[in-house]
């Protein structure tokens, strides 16, 4: 009988371990939106010198182009999903709620005019993971977004200024 009890305990233990393994799991995810903004290209930008053509060569089409007073930006990139809200974006650790706030970032050093445009380039990456076992689970995620804003004079095709916010 003692042998039978040991066998029963062993079977119960193995069933419990198997059920624990079946009930546990893990998942990992990562995603990106946009194209990486290369620092070497950002370093090449010279205010008052760099042209629109150079910007497009170095960074490609911007995610969106804004003009003063425009409530609806022109989406120019296929990398920006239609559901993306242009009314919320993060720059310099602050959340901006409308497009006029974007131009306010440049008003301290520039008199914004109708022929000015802001080209916005963004690159977001996120990743995370989950571990779940009976009676314990944990989840972690990390999202970082780089944003490059370029103030451009459409009449002269010259870069007037730029701001780069790179989240580490």
N, C-alpha and C. Protein backbone atom coordinates (compact mmCIF):
# COMPACT_ATOMS: atom_id res chain seq x y z
N UNK A 1 0.81 -1.19 0.00
CA UNK A 1 0.00 0.00 0.00
C UNK A 1 0.85 1.25 0.00
N UNK A 2 1.99 1.16 0.70
CA UNK A 2 2.86 2.34 0.76
C UNK A 2 3.36 2.69 -0.63
N UNK A 3 3.63 1.71 -1.45
CA UNK A 3 4.09 1.93 -2.80
C UNK A 3 3.01 2.65 -3.61
N UNK A 4 1.78 2.23 -3.41
CA UNK A 4 0.66 2.83 -4.11
C UNK A 4 0.48 4.30 -3.70
N UNK A 5 0.68 4.62 -2.44
CA UNK A 5 0.54 5.98 -1.94
C UNK A 5 1.64 6.86 -2.53
N UNK A 6 2.86 6.34 -2.59
CA UNK A 6 3.96 7.09 -3.21
C UNK A 6 3.68 7.35 -4.69
N UNK A 7 3.20 6.37 -5.36
CA UNK A 7 2.88 6.51 -6.78
C UNK A 7 1.77 7.55 -6.97
N UNK A 8 0.78 7.50 -6.09
CA UNK A 8 -0.32 8.46 -6.18
C UNK A 8 0.19 9.88 -5.94
N UNK A 9 1.06 10.03 -4.93
CA UNK A 9 1.63 11.36 -4.66
C UNK A 9 2.45 11.85 -5.85
N UNK A 10 3.23 10.98 -6.42
CA UNK A 10 4.06 11.36 -7.57
C UNK A 10 3.19 11.78 -8.75
N UNK A 11 2.13 11.04 -8.98
CA UNK A 11 1.23 11.37 -10.08
C UNK A 11 0.55 12.70 -9.80
N UNK A 12 0.09 12.92 -8.58
CA UNK A 12 -0.56 14.18 -8.22
C UNK A 12 0.43 15.35 -8.41
N UNK A 13 1.66 15.14 -7.96
CA UNK A 13 2.68 16.19 -8.11
C UNK A 13 2.91 16.50 -9.59
N UNK A 14 3.03 15.46 -10.40
CA UNK A 14 3.27 15.67 -11.83
C UNK A 14 2.08 16.34 -12.50
N UNK A 15 0.88 16.00 -12.10
CA UNK A 15 -0.32 16.64 -12.65
C UNK A 15 -0.35 18.11 -12.24
N UNK A 16 0.00 18.40 -10.98
CA UNK A 16 0.02 19.79 -10.51
C UNK A 16 1.06 20.61 -11.29
N UNK A 17 2.23 20.04 -11.52
CA UNK A 17 3.27 20.73 -12.29
C UNK A 17 2.80 20.94 -13.72
N UNK A 18 2.20 19.95 -14.31
CA UNK A 18 1.70 20.07 -15.69
C UNK A 18 0.61 21.14 -15.78
N UNK A 19 -0.31 21.15 -14.82
CA UNK A 19 -1.35 22.17 -14.83
C UNK A 19 -0.75 23.56 -14.63
N UNK A 20 0.26 23.67 -13.78
CA UNK A 20 0.94 24.95 -13.58
C UNK A 20 1.61 25.43 -14.85
N UNK A 21 2.24 24.51 -15.56
CA UNK A 21 2.88 24.89 -16.82
C UNK A 21 1.85 25.28 -17.87
N UNK A 22 0.73 24.58 -17.89
CA UNK A 22 -0.32 24.91 -18.85
C UNK A 22 -0.92 26.28 -18.53
N UNK A 23 -1.06 26.58 -17.26
CA UNK A 23 -1.68 27.84 -16.84
C UNK A 23 -0.72 29.02 -16.89
N UNK A 24 0.54 28.77 -17.10
CA UNK A 24 1.51 29.87 -17.14
C UNK A 24 1.82 30.23 -18.59
N UNK A 25 2.43 31.38 -18.74
CA UNK A 25 2.79 31.79 -20.08
C UNK A 25 3.63 33.04 -20.07
N UNK A 26 4.15 33.37 -21.21
CA UNK A 26 4.91 34.60 -21.34
C UNK A 26 4.67 35.16 -22.73
N UNK A 27 4.88 36.43 -22.85
CA UNK A 27 4.71 37.11 -24.14
C UNK A 27 5.70 38.26 -24.22
N UNK A 28 6.17 38.51 -25.41
CA UNK A 28 7.09 39.61 -25.67
C UNK A 28 6.58 40.35 -26.89
N UNK A 29 6.65 41.69 -26.86
CA UNK A 29 6.22 42.45 -28.02
C UNK A 29 7.18 43.60 -28.26
N UNK A 30 7.24 44.00 -29.50
CA UNK A 30 7.99 45.21 -29.87
C UNK A 30 7.37 45.77 -31.15
N UNK A 31 7.40 47.09 -31.25
CA UNK A 31 6.86 47.70 -32.46
C UNK A 31 7.53 49.05 -32.68
N UNK A 32 7.51 49.50 -33.92
CA UNK A 32 8.04 50.80 -34.27
C UNK A 32 7.07 51.50 -35.21
N UNK A 33 7.07 52.83 -35.14
CA UNK A 33 6.29 53.65 -36.07
C UNK A 33 7.22 54.73 -36.58
N UNK A 34 7.29 54.90 -37.87
CA UNK A 34 8.18 55.88 -38.47
C UNK A 34 9.54 55.29 -38.78
N UNK A 35 10.42 56.17 -39.21
CA UNK A 35 11.79 55.76 -39.53
C UNK A 35 12.74 56.39 -38.52
N UNK A 36 13.83 55.69 -38.17
CA UNK A 36 14.77 56.27 -37.20
C UNK A 36 15.30 57.63 -37.69
N UNK A 37 15.43 58.55 -36.76
CA UNK A 37 15.98 59.89 -37.06
C UNK A 37 17.46 59.83 -36.72
N UNK A 38 18.29 59.77 -37.73
CA UNK A 38 19.73 59.59 -37.53
C UNK A 38 20.37 60.89 -37.01
N UNK A 39 21.12 60.75 -35.93
CA UNK A 39 21.75 61.91 -35.30
C UNK A 39 22.75 62.58 -36.24
N UNK A 40 23.45 61.79 -37.05
CA UNK A 40 24.42 62.39 -37.97
C UNK A 40 23.74 63.33 -38.97
N UNK A 41 22.50 63.01 -39.37
CA UNK A 41 21.75 63.90 -40.26
C UNK A 41 21.28 65.15 -39.52
N UNK A 42 20.83 64.98 -38.28
CA UNK A 42 20.41 66.13 -37.48
C UNK A 42 21.60 67.08 -37.30
N UNK A 43 22.78 66.52 -37.06
CA UNK A 43 23.98 67.35 -36.86
C UNK A 43 24.37 68.13 -38.11
N UNK A 44 23.92 67.71 -39.28
CA UNK A 44 24.25 68.40 -40.53
C UNK A 44 23.37 69.63 -40.78
N UNK A 45 22.25 69.73 -40.07
CA UNK A 45 21.33 70.86 -40.30
C UNK A 45 21.99 72.15 -39.85
N UNK A 46 22.00 73.15 -40.76
CA UNK A 46 22.52 74.48 -40.43
C UNK A 46 21.41 75.50 -40.65
N UNK A 47 21.06 76.19 -39.58
CA UNK A 47 20.01 77.20 -39.65
C UNK A 47 20.41 78.28 -40.66
N UNK A 48 19.47 78.61 -41.56
CA UNK A 48 19.72 79.64 -42.55
C UNK A 48 20.53 79.17 -43.74
N UNK A 49 20.94 77.90 -43.76
CA UNK A 49 21.77 77.38 -44.84
C UNK A 49 21.15 76.14 -45.48
N UNK A 50 20.76 75.19 -44.66
CA UNK A 50 20.23 73.92 -45.15
C UNK A 50 18.94 74.15 -45.93
N UNK A 51 18.79 73.41 -47.03
CA UNK A 51 17.62 73.58 -47.91
C UNK A 51 16.57 72.49 -47.68
N UNK A 52 15.40 72.75 -48.17
CA UNK A 52 14.30 71.79 -48.11
C UNK A 52 14.71 70.49 -48.83
N UNK A 53 15.37 70.62 -49.96
CA UNK A 53 15.81 69.44 -50.71
C UNK A 53 16.74 68.57 -49.87
N UNK A 54 17.68 69.19 -49.16
CA UNK A 54 18.58 68.42 -48.30
C UNK A 54 17.81 67.71 -47.19
N UNK A 55 16.86 68.41 -46.58
CA UNK A 55 16.06 67.80 -45.52
C UNK A 55 15.33 66.57 -46.05
N UNK A 56 14.71 66.70 -47.22
CA UNK A 56 13.98 65.57 -47.81
C UNK A 56 14.93 64.43 -48.18
N UNK A 57 16.13 64.76 -48.64
CA UNK A 57 17.12 63.73 -48.95
C UNK A 57 17.55 62.98 -47.68
N UNK A 58 17.78 63.71 -46.59
CA UNK A 58 18.30 63.11 -45.36
C UNK A 58 17.23 62.34 -44.57
N UNK A 59 16.02 62.90 -44.52
CA UNK A 59 15.00 62.33 -43.64
C UNK A 59 13.79 61.75 -44.38
N UNK A 60 13.67 62.01 -45.68
CA UNK A 60 12.50 61.54 -46.42
C UNK A 60 11.30 62.46 -46.17
N UNK A 61 10.13 61.97 -46.55
CA UNK A 61 8.91 62.75 -46.35
C UNK A 61 8.62 62.86 -44.85
N UNK A 62 8.24 64.04 -44.39
CA UNK A 62 7.89 64.17 -42.97
C UNK A 62 6.59 63.44 -42.66
N UNK A 63 6.40 63.11 -41.39
CA UNK A 63 5.14 62.48 -40.98
C UNK A 63 3.98 63.41 -41.23
N UNK A 64 4.19 64.71 -40.99
CA UNK A 64 3.19 65.70 -41.33
C UNK A 64 3.82 67.07 -41.51
N UNK A 65 3.11 67.91 -42.25
CA UNK A 65 3.55 69.28 -42.52
C UNK A 65 2.46 70.21 -41.99
N UNK A 66 2.86 71.20 -41.21
CA UNK A 66 1.89 72.13 -40.63
C UNK A 66 2.19 73.55 -41.07
N UNK A 67 1.13 74.34 -41.20
CA UNK A 67 1.29 75.76 -41.48
C UNK A 67 0.56 76.54 -40.40
N UNK A 68 0.94 77.77 -40.16
CA UNK A 68 0.32 78.55 -39.08
C UNK A 68 -1.20 78.63 -39.22
N UNK A 69 -1.90 78.40 -38.12
CA UNK A 69 -3.35 78.50 -38.10
C UNK A 69 -4.07 77.31 -38.70
N UNK A 70 -3.34 76.34 -39.20
CA UNK A 70 -3.95 75.17 -39.82
C UNK A 70 -4.40 74.20 -38.74
N UNK A 71 -5.67 73.86 -38.76
CA UNK A 71 -6.20 72.93 -37.76
C UNK A 71 -6.02 71.48 -38.17
N UNK A 72 -5.75 71.25 -39.44
CA UNK A 72 -5.60 69.88 -39.93
C UNK A 72 -4.30 69.77 -40.69
N UNK A 73 -3.34 69.04 -40.15
CA UNK A 73 -2.06 68.91 -40.84
C UNK A 73 -2.17 68.06 -42.10
N UNK A 74 -1.20 68.19 -42.95
CA UNK A 74 -1.12 67.35 -44.15
C UNK A 74 -0.28 66.13 -43.81
N UNK A 75 -0.92 64.97 -43.75
CA UNK A 75 -0.17 63.73 -43.52
C UNK A 75 0.54 63.39 -44.81
N UNK A 76 1.83 63.24 -44.75
CA UNK A 76 2.58 62.96 -45.96
C UNK A 76 3.25 61.60 -45.91
N UNK A 77 3.19 60.94 -44.78
CA UNK A 77 3.90 59.69 -44.62
C UNK A 77 2.93 58.54 -44.43
N UNK A 78 3.21 57.43 -45.07
CA UNK A 78 2.41 56.23 -44.87
C UNK A 78 2.68 55.61 -43.51
N UNK A 79 3.77 56.06 -42.85
CA UNK A 79 4.12 55.52 -41.54
C UNK A 79 3.20 56.00 -40.44
N UNK A 80 2.43 57.06 -40.69
CA UNK A 80 1.52 57.59 -39.67
C UNK A 80 0.15 56.97 -39.89
N UNK A 81 -0.32 56.18 -38.92
CA UNK A 81 -1.63 55.55 -39.11
C UNK A 81 -2.74 56.59 -39.10
N UNK A 82 -3.82 56.37 -39.86
CA UNK A 82 -4.92 57.33 -39.92
C UNK A 82 -5.53 57.62 -38.55
N UNK A 83 -5.40 56.68 -37.62
CA UNK A 83 -5.98 56.88 -36.29
C UNK A 83 -5.10 57.76 -35.41
N UNK A 84 -3.89 58.09 -35.85
CA UNK A 84 -2.99 58.91 -35.03
C UNK A 84 -3.60 60.31 -34.86
N UNK A 85 -3.57 60.79 -33.65
CA UNK A 85 -4.15 62.10 -33.38
C UNK A 85 -3.09 63.18 -33.51
N UNK A 86 -3.28 64.14 -34.43
CA UNK A 86 -2.30 65.22 -34.57
C UNK A 86 -2.43 66.25 -33.46
N UNK A 87 -3.44 66.11 -32.63
CA UNK A 87 -3.70 67.12 -31.62
C UNK A 87 -2.98 66.83 -30.30
N UNK A 88 -2.33 65.69 -30.18
CA UNK A 88 -1.57 65.36 -29.00
C UNK A 88 -0.20 64.86 -29.43
N UNK A 89 0.83 65.51 -28.98
CA UNK A 89 2.17 65.00 -29.21
C UNK A 89 3.05 65.45 -28.07
N UNK A 90 4.12 64.73 -27.87
CA UNK A 90 5.03 65.04 -26.77
C UNK A 90 6.31 65.62 -27.33
N UNK A 91 6.75 66.71 -26.72
CA UNK A 91 8.01 67.31 -27.13
C UNK A 91 8.62 67.99 -25.91
N UNK A 92 9.87 67.67 -25.64
CA UNK A 92 10.55 68.29 -24.51
C UNK A 92 9.92 67.95 -23.17
N UNK A 93 9.34 66.75 -23.08
CA UNK A 93 8.72 66.33 -21.83
C UNK A 93 7.36 66.94 -21.58
N UNK A 94 6.83 67.69 -22.54
CA UNK A 94 5.51 68.32 -22.38
C UNK A 94 4.57 67.78 -23.44
N UNK A 95 3.30 67.66 -23.08
CA UNK A 95 2.30 67.23 -24.04
C UNK A 95 1.63 68.47 -24.62
N UNK A 96 1.61 68.54 -25.93
CA UNK A 96 1.00 69.67 -26.63
C UNK A 96 -0.34 69.22 -27.17
N UNK A 97 -1.34 70.05 -27.01
CA UNK A 97 -2.70 69.65 -27.32
C UNK A 97 -3.24 70.19 -28.63
N UNK A 98 -2.56 71.10 -29.28
CA UNK A 98 -3.05 71.56 -30.58
C UNK A 98 -1.88 72.01 -31.43
N UNK A 99 -2.15 72.24 -32.69
CA UNK A 99 -1.07 72.53 -33.64
C UNK A 99 -0.42 73.89 -33.41
N UNK A 100 -1.18 74.87 -32.90
CA UNK A 100 -0.58 76.18 -32.64
C UNK A 100 0.53 76.08 -31.61
N UNK A 101 0.43 75.14 -30.68
CA UNK A 101 1.49 74.96 -29.70
C UNK A 101 2.82 74.61 -30.36
N UNK A 102 2.75 73.95 -31.47
CA UNK A 102 3.98 73.58 -32.17
C UNK A 102 4.72 74.84 -32.62
N UNK A 103 4.00 75.77 -33.19
CA UNK A 103 4.63 77.01 -33.65
C UNK A 103 5.12 77.85 -32.47
N UNK A 104 4.45 77.74 -31.33
CA UNK A 104 4.89 78.48 -30.14
C UNK A 104 6.29 78.07 -29.70
N UNK A 105 6.69 76.87 -30.05
CA UNK A 105 8.05 76.43 -29.71
C UNK A 105 9.11 77.29 -30.41
N UNK A 106 8.73 77.93 -31.52
CA UNK A 106 9.68 78.74 -32.29
C UNK A 106 9.45 80.25 -32.16
N UNK A 107 8.37 80.68 -31.53
CA UNK A 107 8.04 82.12 -31.51
C UNK A 107 9.01 82.95 -30.70
N UNK A 108 9.75 82.37 -29.80
CA UNK A 108 10.72 83.13 -29.02
C UNK A 108 11.87 83.67 -29.87
N UNK A 109 12.18 82.99 -30.96
CA UNK A 109 13.30 83.40 -31.80
C UNK A 109 12.90 83.71 -33.24
N UNK A 110 11.61 83.57 -33.57
CA UNK A 110 11.17 83.81 -34.95
C UNK A 110 9.80 84.48 -34.96
N UNK A 111 9.61 85.35 -35.94
CA UNK A 111 8.31 85.95 -36.20
C UNK A 111 7.61 85.02 -37.20
N UNK A 112 6.68 84.21 -36.73
CA UNK A 112 6.04 83.20 -37.57
C UNK A 112 5.15 83.88 -38.61
N UNK A 113 5.31 83.46 -39.87
CA UNK A 113 4.57 84.05 -40.99
C UNK A 113 3.81 82.95 -41.74
N UNK A 114 2.93 83.39 -42.63
CA UNK A 114 2.10 82.44 -43.38
C UNK A 114 2.92 81.49 -44.26
N UNK A 115 4.08 81.92 -44.70
CA UNK A 115 4.90 81.07 -45.58
C UNK A 115 5.79 80.09 -44.80
N UNK A 116 5.68 80.08 -43.50
CA UNK A 116 6.46 79.15 -42.69
C UNK A 116 5.73 77.82 -42.56
N UNK A 117 6.50 76.76 -42.54
CA UNK A 117 5.98 75.41 -42.36
C UNK A 117 6.82 74.70 -41.32
N UNK A 118 6.19 73.79 -40.62
CA UNK A 118 6.93 72.90 -39.74
C UNK A 118 6.82 71.50 -40.32
N UNK A 119 7.97 70.90 -40.54
CA UNK A 119 8.03 69.51 -40.96
C UNK A 119 8.27 68.70 -39.68
N UNK A 120 7.39 67.75 -39.42
CA UNK A 120 7.52 66.92 -38.23
C UNK A 120 7.92 65.51 -38.62
N UNK A 121 9.01 65.07 -38.01
CA UNK A 121 9.48 63.69 -38.17
C UNK A 121 9.40 63.03 -36.80
N UNK A 122 8.80 61.84 -36.74
CA UNK A 122 8.72 61.11 -35.48
C UNK A 122 9.13 59.67 -35.70
N UNK A 123 9.69 59.12 -34.64
CA UNK A 123 10.06 57.71 -34.62
C UNK A 123 9.74 57.18 -33.23
N UNK A 124 8.81 56.25 -33.16
CA UNK A 124 8.41 55.67 -31.87
C UNK A 124 8.75 54.19 -31.86
N UNK A 125 9.22 53.74 -30.73
CA UNK A 125 9.50 52.33 -30.56
C UNK A 125 9.02 51.92 -29.18
N UNK A 126 8.46 50.73 -29.12
CA UNK A 126 7.99 50.23 -27.84
C UNK A 126 8.30 48.75 -27.75
N UNK A 127 8.38 48.30 -26.54
CA UNK A 127 8.64 46.89 -26.31
C UNK A 127 8.23 46.55 -24.89
N UNK A 128 7.99 45.29 -24.66
CA UNK A 128 7.60 44.87 -23.33
C UNK A 128 7.45 43.37 -23.27
N UNK A 129 7.13 42.93 -22.09
CA UNK A 129 6.96 41.51 -21.90
C UNK A 129 6.07 41.21 -20.72
N UNK A 130 5.57 39.98 -20.69
CA UNK A 130 4.68 39.54 -19.62
C UNK A 130 5.06 38.12 -19.23
N UNK A 131 4.99 37.86 -17.96
CA UNK A 131 5.20 36.52 -17.43
C UNK A 131 4.04 36.22 -16.50
N UNK A 132 3.38 35.12 -16.72
CA UNK A 132 2.26 34.74 -15.87
C UNK A 132 2.42 33.28 -15.46
N UNK A 133 2.42 33.07 -14.17
CA UNK A 133 2.42 31.73 -13.59
C UNK A 133 1.32 31.74 -12.54
N UNK A 134 0.86 30.58 -12.13
CA UNK A 134 -0.21 30.59 -11.12
C UNK A 134 0.18 31.41 -9.90
N UNK A 135 -0.70 32.27 -9.48
CA UNK A 135 -0.58 33.13 -8.30
C UNK A 135 0.42 34.26 -8.46
N UNK A 136 0.97 34.48 -9.67
CA UNK A 136 1.93 35.57 -9.86
C UNK A 136 1.95 35.95 -11.33
N UNK A 137 1.96 37.23 -11.60
CA UNK A 137 2.17 37.69 -12.97
C UNK A 137 2.84 39.06 -12.92
N UNK A 138 3.58 39.37 -13.96
CA UNK A 138 4.25 40.66 -14.05
C UNK A 138 4.24 41.11 -15.51
N UNK A 139 4.22 42.42 -15.70
CA UNK A 139 4.19 42.98 -17.04
C UNK A 139 5.04 44.24 -17.04
N UNK A 140 5.83 44.43 -18.05
CA UNK A 140 6.64 45.64 -18.18
C UNK A 140 6.62 46.12 -19.61
N UNK A 141 6.63 47.43 -19.78
CA UNK A 141 6.64 47.99 -21.13
C UNK A 141 7.44 49.28 -21.14
N UNK A 142 7.94 49.62 -22.29
CA UNK A 142 8.73 50.83 -22.45
C UNK A 142 8.42 51.41 -23.82
N UNK A 143 8.09 52.71 -23.87
CA UNK A 143 7.84 53.37 -25.15
C UNK A 143 8.65 54.65 -25.20
N UNK A 144 9.33 54.86 -26.31
CA UNK A 144 10.13 56.06 -26.50
C UNK A 144 9.83 56.64 -27.88
N UNK A 145 9.77 57.97 -27.93
CA UNK A 145 9.47 58.64 -29.19
C UNK A 145 10.49 59.75 -29.42
N UNK A 146 11.09 59.74 -30.60
CA UNK A 146 11.96 60.83 -31.02
C UNK A 146 11.15 61.75 -31.92
N UNK A 147 11.35 63.05 -31.77
CA UNK A 147 10.60 64.01 -32.58
C UNK A 147 11.54 65.10 -33.08
N UNK A 148 11.53 65.32 -34.37
CA UNK A 148 12.31 66.39 -35.00
C UNK A 148 11.33 67.35 -35.65
N UNK A 149 11.42 68.62 -35.25
CA UNK A 149 10.59 69.68 -35.83
C UNK A 149 11.50 70.62 -36.60
N UNK A 150 11.18 70.87 -37.85
CA UNK A 150 11.99 71.74 -38.69
C UNK A 150 11.12 72.90 -39.16
N UNK A 151 11.53 74.13 -38.82
CA UNK A 151 10.84 75.34 -39.27
C UNK A 151 11.46 75.74 -40.60
N UNK A 152 10.63 75.78 -41.64
CA UNK A 152 11.10 75.99 -43.00
C UNK A 152 10.36 77.16 -43.62
N UNK A 153 11.06 77.99 -44.38
CA UNK A 153 10.44 79.07 -45.15
C UNK A 153 10.13 78.50 -46.53
N UNK A 154 8.86 78.36 -46.84
CA UNK A 154 8.45 77.77 -48.13
C UNK A 154 8.85 78.63 -49.32
N UNK A 155 8.97 79.94 -49.15
CA UNK A 155 9.34 80.81 -50.28
C UNK A 155 10.80 80.65 -50.65
N UNK A 156 11.67 80.54 -49.67
CA UNK A 156 13.11 80.43 -49.94
C UNK A 156 13.60 78.99 -49.90
N UNK A 157 12.79 78.08 -49.37
CA UNK A 157 13.16 76.66 -49.18
C UNK A 157 14.37 76.50 -48.26
N UNK A 158 14.51 77.41 -47.31
CA UNK A 158 15.64 77.38 -46.37
C UNK A 158 15.13 77.04 -44.98
N UNK A 159 15.90 76.23 -44.25
CA UNK A 159 15.59 75.89 -42.86
C UNK A 159 15.90 77.10 -41.99
N UNK A 160 14.91 77.55 -41.24
CA UNK A 160 15.10 78.67 -40.33
C UNK A 160 15.56 78.20 -38.95
N UNK A 161 15.04 77.05 -38.52
CA UNK A 161 15.36 76.56 -37.19
C UNK A 161 14.92 75.10 -37.09
N UNK A 162 15.36 74.43 -36.06
CA UNK A 162 14.91 73.06 -35.82
C UNK A 162 15.04 72.74 -34.34
N UNK A 163 14.25 71.78 -33.90
CA UNK A 163 14.29 71.29 -32.53
C UNK A 163 14.24 69.78 -32.57
N UNK A 164 15.07 69.16 -31.75
CA UNK A 164 15.11 67.71 -31.68
C UNK A 164 14.87 67.28 -30.26
N UNK A 165 13.93 66.36 -30.06
CA UNK A 165 13.66 65.79 -28.74
C UNK A 165 13.84 64.28 -28.87
N UNK A 166 14.89 63.78 -28.24
CA UNK A 166 15.18 62.36 -28.31
C UNK A 166 14.99 61.77 -26.92
N UNK A 167 14.02 60.87 -26.79
CA UNK A 167 13.78 60.23 -25.49
C UNK A 167 14.71 59.06 -25.34
N UNK A 168 15.36 59.00 -24.22
CA UNK A 168 16.32 57.92 -23.95
C UNK A 168 15.70 56.84 -23.11
